[in-house]
Amino acid sequence: MFDLEFYVWGVLPMIIGLLILLKSIQISFLRKTILNWIILAILLLSSLLAEYILAIITFTNAWPSYLPHLLLSFNLILLFVQILLKNKLKTQNTTSL
């Protein structure tokens, strides 16, 4: 069927990218701030580009590229920033009460 390389370099990054995007959507709807929505828009656009490139590389046997993996790494960093901002706002709200 498919070899291990197909799953490691194609399917697994696609799943990770979707999970990053879903977590960012969850945080954006939980904490409705402009910065969260901007980060979500950046994550959405770069995730769509990364998923598109991964699909082309994986399913058409195109020449491999590291760009989707770099984009997903950038998305992961943005997600961590979004989580830190969420936790910072949560601690500020609890100390002000």
N, C-alpha and C. Protein backbone atom coordinates (compact mmCIF):
# COMPACT_ATOMS: atom_id res chain seq x y z
N MET A 1 0.84 -1.18 0.00
CA MET A 1 0.00 0.00 0.00
C MET A 1 0.88 1.25 0.00
N PHE A 2 1.04 1.91 1.12
CA PHE A 2 1.91 3.07 1.21
C PHE A 2 3.05 2.76 2.17
N ASP A 3 4.16 3.40 1.97
CA ASP A 3 5.29 3.16 2.86
C ASP A 3 5.25 4.12 4.05
N LEU A 4 6.15 3.93 4.97
CA LEU A 4 6.21 4.73 6.19
C LEU A 4 6.46 6.20 5.89
N GLU A 5 7.21 6.48 4.86
CA GLU A 5 7.51 7.87 4.48
C GLU A 5 6.24 8.65 4.14
N PHE A 6 5.27 7.99 3.53
CA PHE A 6 4.00 8.62 3.21
C PHE A 6 3.30 9.12 4.47
N TYR A 7 3.33 8.31 5.52
CA TYR A 7 2.65 8.68 6.76
C TYR A 7 3.44 9.71 7.56
N VAL A 8 4.76 9.57 7.61
CA VAL A 8 5.58 10.47 8.42
C VAL A 8 5.66 11.86 7.80
N TRP A 9 5.86 11.96 6.50
CA TRP A 9 6.05 13.26 5.85
C TRP A 9 4.79 13.82 5.22
N GLY A 10 3.72 13.02 5.11
CA GLY A 10 2.51 13.50 4.46
C GLY A 10 1.31 13.55 5.37
N VAL A 11 0.89 12.41 5.87
CA VAL A 11 -0.36 12.34 6.61
C VAL A 11 -0.23 12.94 8.01
N LEU A 12 0.84 12.60 8.72
CA LEU A 12 1.03 13.09 10.08
C LEU A 12 1.11 14.62 10.14
N PRO A 13 1.86 15.30 9.28
CA PRO A 13 1.84 16.77 9.31
C PRO A 13 0.46 17.36 8.96
N MET A 14 -0.29 16.70 8.10
CA MET A 14 -1.64 17.18 7.80
C MET A 14 -2.53 17.12 9.04
N ILE A 15 -2.44 16.03 9.77
CA ILE A 15 -3.24 15.88 10.98
C ILE A 15 -2.81 16.89 12.04
N ILE A 16 -1.51 17.07 12.20
CA ILE A 16 -1.00 18.04 13.18
C ILE A 16 -1.45 19.45 12.81
N GLY A 17 -1.40 19.80 11.53
CA GLY A 17 -1.86 21.11 11.09
C GLY A 17 -3.32 21.35 11.37
N LEU A 18 -4.14 20.33 11.16
CA LEU A 18 -5.57 20.47 11.46
C LEU A 18 -5.82 20.60 12.96
N LEU A 19 -5.07 19.87 13.77
CA LEU A 19 -5.23 19.98 15.22
C LEU A 19 -4.81 21.36 15.73
N ILE A 20 -3.74 21.91 15.17
CA ILE A 20 -3.31 23.27 15.53
C ILE A 20 -4.41 24.27 15.18
N LEU A 21 -4.98 24.13 14.02
CA LEU A 21 -6.03 25.04 13.57
C LEU A 21 -7.27 24.92 14.44
N LEU A 22 -7.66 23.71 14.79
CA LEU A 22 -8.85 23.51 15.63
C LEU A 22 -8.65 24.08 17.03
N LYS A 23 -7.46 23.92 17.59
CA LYS A 23 -7.18 24.48 18.92
C LYS A 23 -7.19 26.00 18.88
N SER A 24 -6.69 26.58 17.81
CA SER A 24 -6.70 28.04 17.67
C SER A 24 -8.13 28.56 17.54
N ILE A 25 -8.97 27.85 16.81
CA ILE A 25 -10.38 28.24 16.70
C ILE A 25 -11.05 28.16 18.06
N GLN A 26 -10.75 27.12 18.82
CA GLN A 26 -11.33 26.97 20.15
C GLN A 26 -10.92 28.13 21.06
N ILE A 27 -9.65 28.50 21.04
CA ILE A 27 -9.18 29.61 21.88
C ILE A 27 -9.80 30.93 21.42
N SER A 28 -9.92 31.11 20.12
CA SER A 28 -10.48 32.37 19.60
C SER A 28 -11.94 32.54 19.98
N PHE A 29 -12.69 31.47 20.01
CA PHE A 29 -14.09 31.58 20.42
C PHE A 29 -14.23 31.65 21.93
N LEU A 30 -13.24 31.18 22.67
CA LEU A 30 -13.27 31.26 24.12
C LEU A 30 -12.91 32.66 24.58
N ARG A 31 -11.82 33.19 24.05
CA ARG A 31 -11.34 34.54 24.38
C ARG A 31 -11.48 35.40 23.14
N LYS A 32 -12.50 36.19 23.09
CA LYS A 32 -12.80 36.97 21.89
C LYS A 32 -12.07 38.31 21.93
N THR A 33 -10.80 38.28 21.53
CA THR A 33 -10.02 39.51 21.43
C THR A 33 -9.55 39.66 19.98
N ILE A 34 -9.21 40.88 19.64
CA ILE A 34 -8.77 41.16 18.27
C ILE A 34 -7.48 40.40 17.96
N LEU A 35 -6.56 40.34 18.92
CA LEU A 35 -5.29 39.65 18.68
C LEU A 35 -5.50 38.16 18.42
N ASN A 36 -6.42 37.54 19.14
CA ASN A 36 -6.72 36.13 18.88
C ASN A 36 -7.29 35.92 17.49
N TRP A 37 -8.13 36.83 17.04
CA TRP A 37 -8.72 36.69 15.71
C TRP A 37 -7.67 36.92 14.61
N ILE A 38 -6.73 37.83 14.87
CA ILE A 38 -5.65 38.06 13.90
C ILE A 38 -4.76 36.82 13.81
N ILE A 39 -4.41 36.26 14.97
CA ILE A 39 -3.60 35.04 14.97
C ILE A 39 -4.34 33.91 14.29
N LEU A 40 -5.66 33.81 14.53
CA LEU A 40 -6.45 32.77 13.87
C LEU A 40 -6.45 32.94 12.36
N ALA A 41 -6.54 34.18 11.88
CA ALA A 41 -6.54 34.41 10.43
C ALA A 41 -5.19 34.02 9.82
N ILE A 42 -4.10 34.37 10.50
CA ILE A 42 -2.78 33.99 10.01
C ILE A 42 -2.63 32.47 10.01
N LEU A 43 -3.07 31.82 11.08
CA LEU A 43 -3.01 30.37 11.17
C LEU A 43 -3.86 29.71 10.09
N LEU A 44 -5.02 30.26 9.84
CA LEU A 44 -5.90 29.68 8.83
C LEU A 44 -5.27 29.75 7.44
N LEU A 45 -4.75 30.91 7.08
CA LEU A 45 -4.16 31.06 5.76
C LEU A 45 -2.90 30.20 5.58
N SER A 46 -2.04 30.21 6.59
CA SER A 46 -0.81 29.42 6.45
C SER A 46 -1.10 27.91 6.54
N SER A 47 -2.11 27.52 7.31
CA SER A 47 -2.48 26.10 7.36
C SER A 47 -3.07 25.64 6.04
N LEU A 48 -3.89 26.47 5.44
CA LEU A 48 -4.45 26.10 4.14
C LEU A 48 -3.35 25.96 3.09
N LEU A 49 -2.38 26.87 3.11
CA LEU A 49 -1.27 26.77 2.17
C LEU A 49 -0.44 25.51 2.44
N ALA A 50 -0.15 25.25 3.70
CA ALA A 50 0.65 24.06 4.04
C ALA A 50 -0.08 22.78 3.67
N GLU A 51 -1.38 22.70 3.96
CA GLU A 51 -2.15 21.50 3.63
C GLU A 51 -2.23 21.31 2.12
N TYR A 52 -2.38 22.41 1.38
CA TYR A 52 -2.44 22.32 -0.07
C TYR A 52 -1.12 21.79 -0.65
N ILE A 53 0.00 22.35 -0.16
CA ILE A 53 1.30 21.90 -0.65
C ILE A 53 1.55 20.45 -0.26
N LEU A 54 1.20 20.07 0.97
CA LEU A 54 1.38 18.69 1.39
C LEU A 54 0.53 17.73 0.56
N ALA A 55 -0.68 18.14 0.24
CA ALA A 55 -1.54 17.28 -0.59
C ALA A 55 -0.95 17.10 -1.98
N ILE A 56 -0.44 18.18 -2.55
CA ILE A 56 0.17 18.07 -3.87
C ILE A 56 1.40 17.17 -3.82
N ILE A 57 2.25 17.38 -2.83
CA ILE A 57 3.47 16.57 -2.71
C ILE A 57 3.13 15.11 -2.47
N THR A 58 2.17 14.87 -1.58
CA THR A 58 1.87 13.50 -1.16
C THR A 58 1.14 12.70 -2.22
N PHE A 59 0.16 13.29 -2.85
CA PHE A 59 -0.72 12.51 -3.72
C PHE A 59 -0.37 12.58 -5.20
N THR A 60 0.53 13.47 -5.59
CA THR A 60 0.92 13.52 -7.00
C THR A 60 2.38 13.17 -7.20
N ASN A 61 3.05 12.76 -6.15
CA ASN A 61 4.48 12.42 -6.21
C ASN A 61 5.31 13.56 -6.78
N ALA A 62 4.99 14.77 -6.33
CA ALA A 62 5.75 15.95 -6.77
C ALA A 62 7.07 16.02 -6.02
N TRP A 63 7.91 16.96 -6.43
CA TRP A 63 9.19 17.14 -5.79
C TRP A 63 8.98 17.60 -4.35
N PRO A 64 9.64 16.98 -3.37
CA PRO A 64 9.40 17.34 -1.97
C PRO A 64 9.90 18.74 -1.62
N SER A 65 9.25 19.33 -0.65
CA SER A 65 9.61 20.66 -0.18
C SER A 65 9.45 20.70 1.34
N TYR A 66 10.27 21.53 1.97
CA TYR A 66 10.16 21.68 3.42
C TYR A 66 9.26 22.84 3.81
N LEU A 67 8.74 23.58 2.86
CA LEU A 67 7.92 24.74 3.15
C LEU A 67 6.69 24.40 4.00
N PRO A 68 5.93 23.33 3.71
CA PRO A 68 4.78 23.06 4.57
C PRO A 68 5.18 22.74 6.01
N HIS A 69 6.30 22.08 6.18
CA HIS A 69 6.73 21.75 7.53
C HIS A 69 7.20 23.00 8.27
N LEU A 70 7.81 23.93 7.56
CA LEU A 70 8.19 25.20 8.17
C LEU A 70 6.95 26.02 8.54
N LEU A 71 5.95 26.01 7.66
CA LEU A 71 4.71 26.72 7.96
C LEU A 71 4.01 26.12 9.17
N LEU A 72 3.99 24.81 9.27
CA LEU A 72 3.35 24.17 10.41
C LEU A 72 4.13 24.44 11.70
N SER A 73 5.45 24.54 11.62
CA SER A 73 6.25 24.91 12.79
C SER A 73 5.95 26.34 13.22
N PHE A 74 5.83 27.23 12.25
CA PHE A 74 5.45 28.62 12.53
C PHE A 74 4.05 28.67 13.16
N ASN A 75 3.14 27.84 12.67
CA ASN A 75 1.79 27.79 13.23
C ASN A 75 1.82 27.29 14.67
N LEU A 76 2.67 26.34 14.96
CA LEU A 76 2.78 25.83 16.31
C LEU A 76 3.29 26.91 17.26
N ILE A 77 4.24 27.70 16.81
CA ILE A 77 4.75 28.81 17.63
C ILE A 77 3.64 29.83 17.87
N LEU A 78 2.87 30.15 16.83
CA LEU A 78 1.76 31.08 16.99
C LEU A 78 0.70 30.53 17.95
N LEU A 79 0.46 29.23 17.90
CA LEU A 79 -0.50 28.63 18.82
C LEU A 79 0.00 28.74 20.26
N PHE A 80 1.29 28.52 20.49
CA PHE A 80 1.83 28.68 21.84
C PHE A 80 1.70 30.11 22.32
N VAL A 81 1.91 31.08 21.43
CA VAL A 81 1.72 32.49 21.79
C VAL A 81 0.26 32.73 22.16
N GLN A 82 -0.65 32.16 21.40
CA GLN A 82 -2.07 32.33 21.67
C GLN A 82 -2.44 31.69 23.02
N ILE A 83 -1.88 30.55 23.33
CA ILE A 83 -2.14 29.90 24.62
C ILE A 83 -1.57 30.73 25.76
N LEU A 84 -0.36 31.27 25.57
CA LEU A 84 0.21 32.14 26.61
C LEU A 84 -0.63 33.38 26.83
N LEU A 85 -1.13 33.98 25.77
CA LEU A 85 -2.01 35.15 25.91
C LEU A 85 -3.30 34.79 26.63
N LYS A 86 -3.84 33.62 26.33
CA LYS A 86 -5.06 33.16 27.00
C LYS A 86 -4.83 32.98 28.49
N ASN A 87 -3.70 32.35 28.85
CA ASN A 87 -3.38 32.13 30.26
C ASN A 87 -3.07 33.44 30.97
N LYS A 88 -2.43 34.38 30.27
CA LYS A 88 -2.12 35.67 30.86
C LYS A 88 -3.40 36.44 31.16
N LEU A 89 -4.35 36.42 30.25
CA LEU A 89 -5.62 37.09 30.48
C LEU A 89 -6.40 36.42 31.61
N LYS A 90 -6.29 35.09 31.70
CA LYS A 90 -7.00 34.37 32.75
C LYS A 90 -6.45 34.75 34.12
N THR A 91 -5.11 34.86 34.24
CA THR A 91 -4.52 35.22 35.53
C THR A 91 -4.78 36.68 35.88
N GLN A 92 -4.84 37.55 34.88
CA GLN A 92 -5.17 38.95 35.13
C GLN A 92 -6.61 39.09 35.60
N ASN A 93 -7.50 38.32 35.04
CA ASN A 93 -8.90 38.39 35.44
C ASN A 93 -9.11 37.85 36.85
N THR A 94 -8.38 36.85 37.26
CA THR A 94 -8.55 36.28 38.59
C THR A 94 -7.92 37.17 39.66
N THR A 95 -6.84 37.89 39.32
CA THR A 95 -6.21 38.77 40.31
C THR A 95 -6.97 40.06 40.47
N SER A 96 -7.73 40.48 39.48
CA SER A 96 -8.45 41.74 39.58
C SER A 96 -9.76 41.58 40.34
N LEU A 97 -10.18 40.37 40.60
CA LEU A 97 -11.44 40.14 41.33
C LEU A 97 -11.25 40.29 42.77
